[in-house]
Amino acid sequence: MRTTHWAEVRLVKESPNTLMHVILMGPQGSGKGTQSERVRARLNLGSIATGELFREAIKSGTALGQQIQAVYDRGELVPDGLTVALVEERLDQLAGERARGSGIDGALYDGFPRTLAQADALNRVLQARGEDLTAVVVIDVPRETLVERLAGRRVCSACGRVYNIESDPPAVDGVCSACGGQLTQRADDTPGAVAKRLDLYQKETAPLVDRYEREGRVQRIDGDRSIDEVTESIVAAIRSSMAPRPARVR
């Protein structure tokens, strides 16, 4: 296999329909889901979250959706080939919306890529489109804070509202302030279960973050602050990365 070098580059040709591509990463409890919604709204980014894509494809009954449903029915994990095909389909949709003047400026990836193989596949997809990653934003939160956030989470068994016994407690302990339902702790929110989830996240994502850091793409954000402060920092980091950059050629 021929080795790729950064010296071998081509400049990405900008066009009116070129999308920017932002990967948002962070462990459970980092507030990534909340920040994803806020950042997408601020920067006019479409969502690329594989879980959502799977559900939408199945609901729509598309050919890809039928294949994914068959995988689910067998109790298997969705293979990378199907996942990447859905991502490509979503990118085509966003590019079409942009071409029609919808105001979409790019895509924010949440939960994809998860592995080095998926990262390689995404690179190939973007290169084929004449595009490149804009930024990889990593939300950093101290482990003890993550455990506190997750282990302190309580969910209403009736309406689903989420509380935190430390930062956002109900008015009455164990009772939902919205509907009066009983608050419960999910089995995977106990301290022991939370620790295992965080260990798994670190094991799975560390190689991916290391690669992107070597490529000079990573922007680290202190997530142990207010929601507004974190949002502003993420938006500023993405905007600082929006200058044209060379894309690798294999």
C-alpha atoms as a PDB file:
ATOM      1  CA  MET A   1       0.000   0.000   0.000  1.00  0.00           C
ATOM      2  CA  ARG A   2       1.316   3.404  -0.927  1.00  0.00           C
ATOM      3  CA  THR A   3       2.000   5.690   2.025  1.00  0.00           C
ATOM      4  CA  THR A   4       0.250   9.032   2.073  1.00  0.00           C
ATOM      5  CA  HIS A   5       2.322  12.092   2.944  1.00  0.00           C
ATOM      6  CA  TRP A   6       1.122  15.561   3.816  1.00  0.00           C
ATOM      7  CA  ALA A   7       3.552  16.860   1.214  1.00  0.00           C
ATOM      8  CA  GLU A   8       1.316  15.294  -1.414  1.00  0.00           C
ATOM      9  CA  VAL A   9      -1.624  17.630  -1.363  1.00  0.00           C
ATOM     10  CA  ARG A  10      -4.178  19.289  -3.498  1.00  0.00           C
ATOM     11  CA  LEU A  11      -6.056  22.401  -2.575  1.00  0.00           C
ATOM     12  CA  VAL A  12      -9.767  21.908  -2.096  1.00  0.00           C
ATOM     13  CA  LYS A  13     -11.630  23.895  -4.711  1.00  0.00           C
ATOM     14  CA  GLU A  14     -14.281  25.919  -3.003  1.00  0.00           C
ATOM     15  CA  SER A  15     -17.697  26.051  -4.646  1.00  0.00           C
ATOM     16  CA  PRO A  16     -21.009  27.558  -3.585  1.00  0.00           C
ATOM     17  CA  ASN A  17     -22.211  24.102  -2.563  1.00  0.00           C
ATOM     18  CA  THR A  18     -19.149  23.047  -0.559  1.00  0.00           C
ATOM     19  CA  LEU A  19     -20.071  21.938   2.940  1.00  0.00           C
ATOM     20  CA  MET A  20     -18.039  22.322   6.100  1.00  0.00           C
ATOM     21  CA  HIS A  21     -17.659  19.193   8.200  1.00  0.00           C
ATOM     22  CA  VAL A  22     -17.351  19.247  11.989  1.00  0.00           C
ATOM     23  CA  ILE A  23     -16.908  16.215  14.245  1.00  0.00           C
ATOM     24  CA  LEU A  24     -18.045  16.718  17.852  1.00  0.00           C
ATOM     25  CA  MET A  25     -16.652  14.276  20.401  1.00  0.00           C
ATOM     26  CA  GLY A  26     -17.083  13.887  24.138  1.00  0.00           C
ATOM     27  CA  PRO A  27     -17.832  11.179  26.698  1.00  0.00           C
ATOM     28  CA  GLN A  28     -21.216  10.509  28.244  1.00  0.00           C
ATOM     29  CA  GLY A  29     -22.033  13.305  30.651  1.00  0.00           C
ATOM     30  CA  SER A  30     -19.979  15.898  28.753  1.00  0.00           C
ATOM     31  CA  GLY A  31     -23.088  17.647  27.445  1.00  0.00           C
ATOM     32  CA  LYS A  32     -22.308  16.679  23.854  1.00  0.00           C
ATOM     33  CA  GLY A  33     -25.951  16.149  22.922  1.00  0.00           C
ATOM     34  CA  THR A  34     -26.983  19.558  24.227  1.00  0.00           C
ATOM     35  CA  GLN A  35     -24.037  21.268  22.573  1.00  0.00           C
ATOM     36  CA  SER A  36     -24.694  19.511  19.281  1.00  0.00           C
ATOM     37  CA  GLU A  37     -28.171  21.032  19.075  1.00  0.00           C
ATOM     38  CA  ARG A  38     -26.979  24.507  20.061  1.00  0.00           C
ATOM     39  CA  VAL A  39     -23.976  24.557  17.715  1.00  0.00           C
ATOM     40  CA  ARG A  40     -25.998  23.285  14.762  1.00  0.00           C
ATOM     41  CA  ALA A  41     -28.466  26.117  15.256  1.00  0.00           C
ATOM     42  CA  ARG A  42     -25.729  28.739  15.565  1.00  0.00           C
ATOM     43  CA  LEU A  43     -23.756  27.636  12.495  1.00  0.00           C
ATOM     44  CA  ASN A  44     -26.541  26.304  10.250  1.00  0.00           C
ATOM     45  CA  LEU A  45     -25.251  22.740  10.321  1.00  0.00           C
ATOM     46  CA  GLY A  46     -27.232  19.642   9.456  1.00  0.00           C
ATOM     47  CA  SER A  47     -27.113  16.684  11.814  1.00  0.00           C
ATOM     48  CA  ILE A  48     -25.265  13.475  11.022  1.00  0.00           C
ATOM     49  CA  ALA A  49     -25.933  11.177  13.967  1.00  0.00           C
ATOM     50  CA  THR A  50     -25.895   7.530  12.970  1.00  0.00           C
ATOM     51  CA  GLY A  51     -28.616   6.505  15.427  1.00  0.00           C
ATOM     52  CA  GLU A  52     -30.970   9.062  13.910  1.00  0.00           C
ATOM     53  CA  LEU A  53     -30.011   8.037  10.386  1.00  0.00           C
ATOM     54  CA  PHE A  54     -30.720   4.375  11.146  1.00  0.00           C
ATOM     55  CA  ARG A  55     -34.153   5.149  12.587  1.00  0.00           C
ATOM     56  CA  GLU A  56     -35.105   7.461   9.729  1.00  0.00           C
ATOM     57  CA  ALA A  57     -34.001   4.966   7.071  1.00  0.00           C
ATOM     58  CA  ILE A  58     -35.987   2.160   8.682  1.00  0.00           C
ATOM     59  CA  LYS A  59     -39.067   4.360   9.109  1.00  0.00           C
ATOM     60  CA  SER A  60     -38.870   5.513   5.477  1.00  0.00           C
ATOM     61  CA  GLY A  61     -38.540   1.971   4.218  1.00  0.00           C
ATOM     62  CA  THR A  62     -35.625   2.766   1.914  1.00  0.00           C
ATOM     63  CA  ALA A  63     -33.401   0.045   0.507  1.00  0.00           C
ATOM     64  CA  LEU A  64     -30.735   0.927   3.058  1.00  0.00           C
ATOM     65  CA  GLY A  65     -33.364   1.023   5.793  1.00  0.00           C
ATOM     66  CA  GLN A  66     -34.523  -2.467   4.914  1.00  0.00           C
ATOM     67  CA  GLN A  67     -30.957  -3.751   5.084  1.00  0.00           C
ATOM     68  CA  ILE A  68     -30.456  -2.129   8.498  1.00  0.00           C
ATOM     69  CA  GLN A  69     -33.725  -3.584   9.783  1.00  0.00           C
ATOM     70  CA  ALA A  70     -32.528  -7.031   8.698  1.00  0.00           C
ATOM     71  CA  VAL A  71     -29.299  -6.502  10.631  1.00  0.00           C
ATOM     72  CA  TYR A  72     -31.279  -5.457  13.720  1.00  0.00           C
ATOM     73  CA  ASP A  73     -33.525  -8.480  13.374  1.00  0.00           C
ATOM     74  CA  ARG A  74     -30.441 -10.720  13.455  1.00  0.00           C
ATOM     75  CA  GLY A  75     -29.225  -8.963  16.585  1.00  0.00           C
ATOM     76  CA  GLU A  76     -26.042  -7.800  14.877  1.00  0.00           C
ATOM     77  CA  LEU A  77     -24.191  -4.480  14.744  1.00  0.00           C
ATOM     78  CA  VAL A  78     -24.688  -2.370  11.632  1.00  0.00           C
ATOM     79  CA  PRO A  79     -21.587  -2.895   9.450  1.00  0.00           C
ATOM     80  CA  ASP A  80     -19.434   0.066   8.470  1.00  0.00           C
ATOM     81  CA  GLY A  81     -20.415  -0.284   4.820  1.00  0.00           C
ATOM     82  CA  LEU A  82     -24.088   0.404   5.547  1.00  0.00           C
ATOM     83  CA  THR A  83     -23.274   3.166   8.018  1.00  0.00           C
ATOM     84  CA  VAL A  84     -21.020   4.985   5.545  1.00  0.00           C
ATOM     85  CA  ALA A  85     -23.601   4.593   2.769  1.00  0.00           C
ATOM     86  CA  LEU A  86     -26.182   6.311   4.984  1.00  0.00           C
ATOM     87  CA  VAL A  87     -23.722   9.099   5.779  1.00  0.00           C
ATOM     88  CA  GLU A  88     -23.094   9.616   2.052  1.00  0.00           C
ATOM     89  CA  GLU A  89     -26.828   9.709   1.403  1.00  0.00           C
ATOM     90  CA  ARG A  90     -27.284  12.320   4.133  1.00  0.00           C
ATOM     91  CA  LEU A  91     -24.431  14.428   2.746  1.00  0.00           C
ATOM     92  CA  ASP A  92     -26.050  14.372  -0.693  1.00  0.00           C
ATOM     93  CA  GLN A  93     -29.281  15.534   0.918  1.00  0.00           C
ATOM     94  CA  LEU A  94     -27.553  18.412   2.740  1.00  0.00           C
ATOM     95  CA  ALA A  95     -25.671  19.455  -0.411  1.00  0.00           C
ATOM     96  CA  GLY A  96     -28.947  19.479  -2.324  1.00  0.00           C
ATOM     97  CA  GLU A  97     -30.595  21.631   0.332  1.00  0.00           C
ATOM     98  CA  ARG A  98     -27.676  24.043   0.219  1.00  0.00           C
ATOM     99  CA  ALA A  99     -27.841  24.240  -3.572  1.00  0.00           C
ATOM    100  CA  ARG A 100     -31.527  25.169  -3.273  1.00  0.00           C
ATOM    101  CA  GLY A 101     -30.659  28.030  -0.925  1.00  0.00           C
ATOM    102  CA  SER A 102     -31.807  26.451   2.336  1.00  0.00           C
ATOM    103  CA  GLY A 103     -29.070  28.150   4.360  1.00  0.00           C
ATOM    104  CA  ILE A 104     -27.375  24.882   5.352  1.00  0.00           C
ATOM    105  CA  ASP A 105     -23.629  25.490   5.649  1.00  0.00           C
ATOM    106  CA  GLY A 106     -22.386  22.044   6.571  1.00  0.00           C
ATOM    107  CA  ALA A 107     -22.691  18.946   8.715  1.00  0.00           C
ATOM    108  CA  LEU A 108     -22.045  18.208  12.358  1.00  0.00           C
ATOM    109  CA  TYR A 109     -21.129  14.587  13.074  1.00  0.00           C
ATOM    110  CA  ASP A 110     -22.234  13.235  16.451  1.00  0.00           C
ATOM    111  CA  GLY A 111     -21.261   9.625  17.194  1.00  0.00           C
ATOM    112  CA  PHE A 112     -19.508   9.129  13.856  1.00  0.00           C
ATOM    113  CA  PRO A 113     -16.793   8.193  13.199  1.00  0.00           C
ATOM    114  CA  ARG A 114     -16.194   5.920  16.189  1.00  0.00           C
ATOM    115  CA  THR A 115     -13.263   3.894  14.869  1.00  0.00           C
ATOM    116  CA  LEU A 116     -10.169   4.407  12.747  1.00  0.00           C
ATOM    117  CA  ALA A 117     -11.785   2.387   9.952  1.00  0.00           C
ATOM    118  CA  GLN A 118     -14.808   4.684   9.950  1.00  0.00           C
ATOM    119  CA  ALA A 119     -12.509   7.727   9.980  1.00  0.00           C
ATOM    120  CA  ASP A 120     -10.701   6.362   6.926  1.00  0.00           C
ATOM    121  CA  ALA A 121     -14.026   5.807   5.188  1.00  0.00           C
ATOM    122  CA  LEU A 122     -15.173   9.347   5.977  1.00  0.00           C
ATOM    123  CA  ASN A 123     -11.922  10.736   4.575  1.00  0.00           C
ATOM    124  CA  ARG A 124     -12.495   8.866   1.322  1.00  0.00           C
ATOM    125  CA  VAL A 125     -16.075  10.112   1.107  1.00  0.00           C
ATOM    126  CA  LEU A 126     -15.047  13.735   1.636  1.00  0.00           C
ATOM    127  CA  GLN A 127     -12.137  13.511  -0.792  1.00  0.00           C
ATOM    128  CA  ALA A 128     -14.459  12.167  -3.458  1.00  0.00           C
ATOM    129  CA  ARG A 129     -16.609  15.252  -2.907  1.00  0.00           C
ATOM    130  CA  GLY A 130     -13.627  17.609  -3.074  1.00  0.00           C
ATOM    131  CA  GLU A 131     -14.132  18.503   0.589  1.00  0.00           C
ATOM    132  CA  ASP A 132     -12.300  18.063   3.884  1.00  0.00           C
ATOM    133  CA  LEU A 133     -12.859  18.070   7.615  1.00  0.00           C
ATOM    134  CA  THR A 134     -13.192  21.566   9.027  1.00  0.00           C
ATOM    135  CA  ALA A 135     -12.617  20.732  12.688  1.00  0.00           C
ATOM    136  CA  VAL A 136     -12.672  17.980  15.278  1.00  0.00           C
ATOM    137  CA  VAL A 137     -13.971  19.396  18.555  1.00  0.00           C
ATOM    138  CA  VAL A 138     -13.366  17.379  21.735  1.00  0.00           C
ATOM    139  CA  ILE A 139     -15.251  18.338  24.901  1.00  0.00           C
ATOM    140  CA  ASP A 140     -13.054  17.647  27.943  1.00  0.00           C
ATOM    141  CA  VAL A 141     -14.615  17.179  31.387  1.00  0.00           C
ATOM    142  CA  PRO A 142     -12.808  15.792  34.478  1.00  0.00           C
ATOM    143  CA  ARG A 143     -13.692  12.168  35.096  1.00  0.00           C
ATOM    144  CA  GLU A 144     -14.949  12.827  38.632  1.00  0.00           C
ATOM    145  CA  THR A 145     -17.334  15.451  37.249  1.00  0.00           C
ATOM    146  CA  LEU A 146     -18.622  13.033  34.613  1.00  0.00           C
ATOM    147  CA  VAL A 147     -19.295  10.399  37.258  1.00  0.00           C
ATOM    148  CA  GLU A 148     -21.087  12.960  39.419  1.00  0.00           C
ATOM    149  CA  ARG A 149     -23.235  14.127  36.510  1.00  0.00           C
ATOM    150  CA  LEU A 150     -24.193  10.641  35.342  1.00  0.00           C
ATOM    151  CA  ALA A 151     -24.561   8.922  38.704  1.00  0.00           C
ATOM    152  CA  GLY A 152     -26.657  11.850  39.937  1.00  0.00           C
ATOM    153  CA  ARG A 153     -29.071  11.592  37.039  1.00  0.00           C
ATOM    154  CA  ARG A 154     -32.693  10.709  37.806  1.00  0.00           C
ATOM    155  CA  VAL A 155     -35.428  10.132  35.226  1.00  0.00           C
ATOM    156  CA  CYS A 156     -39.179  10.508  35.681  1.00  0.00           C
ATOM    157  CA  SER A 157     -40.844   7.153  35.086  1.00  0.00           C
ATOM    158  CA  ALA A 158     -43.971   8.912  33.817  1.00  0.00           C
ATOM    159  CA  CYS A 159     -42.936  11.817  31.569  1.00  0.00           C
ATOM    160  CA  GLY A 160     -39.223  11.114  31.027  1.00  0.00           C
ATOM    161  CA  ARG A 161     -37.935  14.426  32.331  1.00  0.00           C
ATOM    162  CA  VAL A 162     -34.319  14.218  33.474  1.00  0.00           C
ATOM    163  CA  TYR A 163     -32.989  15.701  36.738  1.00  0.00           C
ATOM    164  CA  ASN A 164     -29.668  15.727  38.525  1.00  0.00           C
ATOM    165  CA  ILE A 165     -29.706  15.472  42.303  1.00  0.00           C
ATOM    166  CA  GLU A 166     -26.727  17.826  42.542  1.00  0.00           C
ATOM    167  CA  SER A 167     -27.099  20.417  39.778  1.00  0.00           C
ATOM    168  CA  ASP A 168     -30.800  20.239  38.875  1.00  0.00           C
ATOM    169  CA  PRO A 169     -32.774  18.568  41.702  1.00  0.00           C
ATOM    170  CA  PRO A 170     -36.575  18.308  41.829  1.00  0.00           C
ATOM    171  CA  ALA A 171     -38.480  20.415  44.342  1.00  0.00           C
ATOM    172  CA  VAL A 172     -39.351  17.253  46.291  1.00  0.00           C
ATOM    173  CA  ASP A 173     -36.811  14.455  46.523  1.00  0.00           C
ATOM    174  CA  GLY A 174     -37.778  11.540  44.301  1.00  0.00           C
ATOM    175  CA  VAL A 175     -40.812  13.279  42.784  1.00  0.00           C
ATOM    176  CA  CYS A 176     -41.000  14.858  39.330  1.00  0.00           C
ATOM    177  CA  SER A 177     -41.725  18.572  39.552  1.00  0.00           C
ATOM    178  CA  ALA A 178     -43.455  18.516  36.170  1.00  0.00           C
ATOM    179  CA  CYS A 179     -45.948  15.683  36.566  1.00  0.00           C
ATOM    180  CA  GLY A 180     -45.536  14.208  40.049  1.00  0.00           C
ATOM    181  CA  GLY A 181     -44.195  10.937  38.720  1.00  0.00           C
ATOM    182  CA  GLN A 182     -41.596   8.819  40.531  1.00  0.00           C
ATOM    183  CA  LEU A 183     -37.938   9.504  39.776  1.00  0.00           C
ATOM    184  CA  THR A 184     -35.715   6.505  39.167  1.00  0.00           C
ATOM    185  CA  GLN A 185     -32.043   5.850  38.485  1.00  0.00           C
ATOM    186  CA  ARG A 186     -31.206   3.934  35.335  1.00  0.00           C
ATOM    187  CA  ALA A 187     -29.232   0.735  35.851  1.00  0.00           C
ATOM    188  CA  ASP A 188     -26.379   2.097  33.753  1.00  0.00           C
ATOM    189  CA  ASP A 189     -26.217   5.319  35.816  1.00  0.00           C
ATOM    190  CA  THR A 190     -24.862   3.710  38.998  1.00  0.00           C
ATOM    191  CA  PRO A 191     -21.257   4.749  39.815  1.00  0.00           C
ATOM    192  CA  GLY A 192     -19.863   1.329  38.884  1.00  0.00           C
ATOM    193  CA  ALA A 193     -21.710   1.207  35.567  1.00  0.00           C
ATOM    194  CA  VAL A 194     -20.736   4.799  34.765  1.00  0.00           C
ATOM    195  CA  ALA A 195     -17.051   3.999  35.348  1.00  0.00           C
ATOM    196  CA  LYS A 196     -17.245   1.077  32.900  1.00  0.00           C
ATOM    197  CA  ARG A 197     -18.920   3.244  30.259  1.00  0.00           C
ATOM    198  CA  LEU A 198     -16.252   5.911  30.586  1.00  0.00           C
ATOM    199  CA  ASP A 199     -13.487   3.307  30.369  1.00  0.00           C
ATOM    200  CA  LEU A 200     -15.050   1.901  27.193  1.00  0.00           C
ATOM    201  CA  TYR A 201     -15.357   5.363  25.655  1.00  0.00           C
ATOM    202  CA  GLN A 202     -11.693   6.088  26.387  1.00  0.00           C
ATOM    203  CA  LYS A 203     -10.600   2.774  24.905  1.00  0.00           C
ATOM    204  CA  GLU A 204     -12.654   3.203  21.736  1.00  0.00           C
ATOM    205  CA  THR A 205     -12.007   6.868  21.004  1.00  0.00           C
ATOM    206  CA  ALA A 206      -8.431   7.453  22.203  1.00  0.00           C
ATOM    207  CA  PRO A 207      -6.843   6.125  18.973  1.00  0.00           C
ATOM    208  CA  LEU A 208      -9.199   8.289  16.903  1.00  0.00           C
ATOM    209  CA  VAL A 209      -8.465  11.448  18.881  1.00  0.00           C
ATOM    210  CA  ASP A 210      -4.731  10.696  18.738  1.00  0.00           C
ATOM    211  CA  ARG A 211      -4.852  10.466  14.953  1.00  0.00           C
ATOM    212  CA  TYR A 212      -6.758  13.705  14.543  1.00  0.00           C
ATOM    213  CA  GLU A 213      -4.378  15.423  16.952  1.00  0.00           C
ATOM    214  CA  ARG A 214      -1.392  14.274  14.896  1.00  0.00           C
ATOM    215  CA  GLU A 215      -3.117  15.781  11.865  1.00  0.00           C
ATOM    216  CA  GLY A 216      -3.553  19.072  13.728  1.00  0.00           C
ATOM    217  CA  ARG A 217      -7.340  18.981  13.530  1.00  0.00           C
ATOM    218  CA  VAL A 218      -8.371  18.760  17.200  1.00  0.00           C
ATOM    219  CA  GLN A 219      -9.777  21.710  19.119  1.00  0.00           C
ATOM    220  CA  ARG A 220     -10.157  20.873  22.828  1.00  0.00           C
ATOM    221  CA  ILE A 221     -12.901  22.605  24.788  1.00  0.00           C
ATOM    222  CA  ASP A 222     -13.209  22.825  28.578  1.00  0.00           C
ATOM    223  CA  GLY A 223     -16.641  21.327  29.177  1.00  0.00           C
ATOM    224  CA  ASP A 224     -16.614  21.918  32.952  1.00  0.00           C
ATOM    225  CA  ARG A 225     -18.302  25.309  32.606  1.00  0.00           C
ATOM    226  CA  SER A 226     -21.765  26.690  31.989  1.00  0.00           C
ATOM    227  CA  ILE A 227     -23.665  25.520  28.926  1.00  0.00           C
ATOM    228  CA  ASP A 228     -23.481  28.986  27.345  1.00  0.00           C
ATOM    229  CA  GLU A 229     -19.728  29.277  27.895  1.00  0.00           C
ATOM    230  CA  VAL A 230     -19.083  25.881  26.337  1.00  0.00           C
ATOM    231  CA  THR A 231     -21.268  26.730  23.338  1.00  0.00           C
ATOM    232  CA  GLU A 232     -19.427  29.987  22.711  1.00  0.00           C
ATOM    233  CA  SER A 233     -16.067  28.232  22.913  1.00  0.00           C
ATOM    234  CA  ILE A 234     -17.117  25.522  20.465  1.00  0.00           C
ATOM    235  CA  VAL A 235     -18.493  28.037  17.967  1.00  0.00           C
ATOM    236  CA  ALA A 236     -15.309  30.122  18.212  1.00  0.00           C
ATOM    237  CA  ALA A 237     -13.129  27.028  17.730  1.00  0.00           C
ATOM    238  CA  ILE A 238     -15.023  25.983  14.615  1.00  0.00           C
ATOM    239  CA  ARG A 239     -14.915  29.459  13.136  1.00  0.00           C
ATOM    240  CA  SER A 240     -11.167  29.639  13.721  1.00  0.00           C
ATOM    241  CA  SER A 241     -10.770  26.404  11.756  1.00  0.00           C
ATOM    242  CA  MET A 242     -12.801  27.500   8.753  1.00  0.00           C
ATOM    243  CA  ALA A 243      -9.879  28.877   6.737  1.00  0.00           C
ATOM    244  CA  PRO A 244      -9.224  26.787   3.584  1.00  0.00           C
ATOM    245  CA  ARG A 245      -6.762  23.953   4.188  1.00  0.00           C
ATOM    246  CA  PRO A 246      -5.137  21.356   1.927  1.00  0.00           C
ATOM    247  CA  ALA A 247      -6.737  17.953   1.605  1.00  0.00           C
ATOM    248  CA  ARG A 248      -4.707  14.785   1.382  1.00  0.00           C
ATOM    249  CA  VAL A 249      -4.530  12.765  -1.792  1.00  0.00           C
ATOM    250  CA  ARG A 250      -4.019   9.014  -1.616  1.00  0.00           C
END
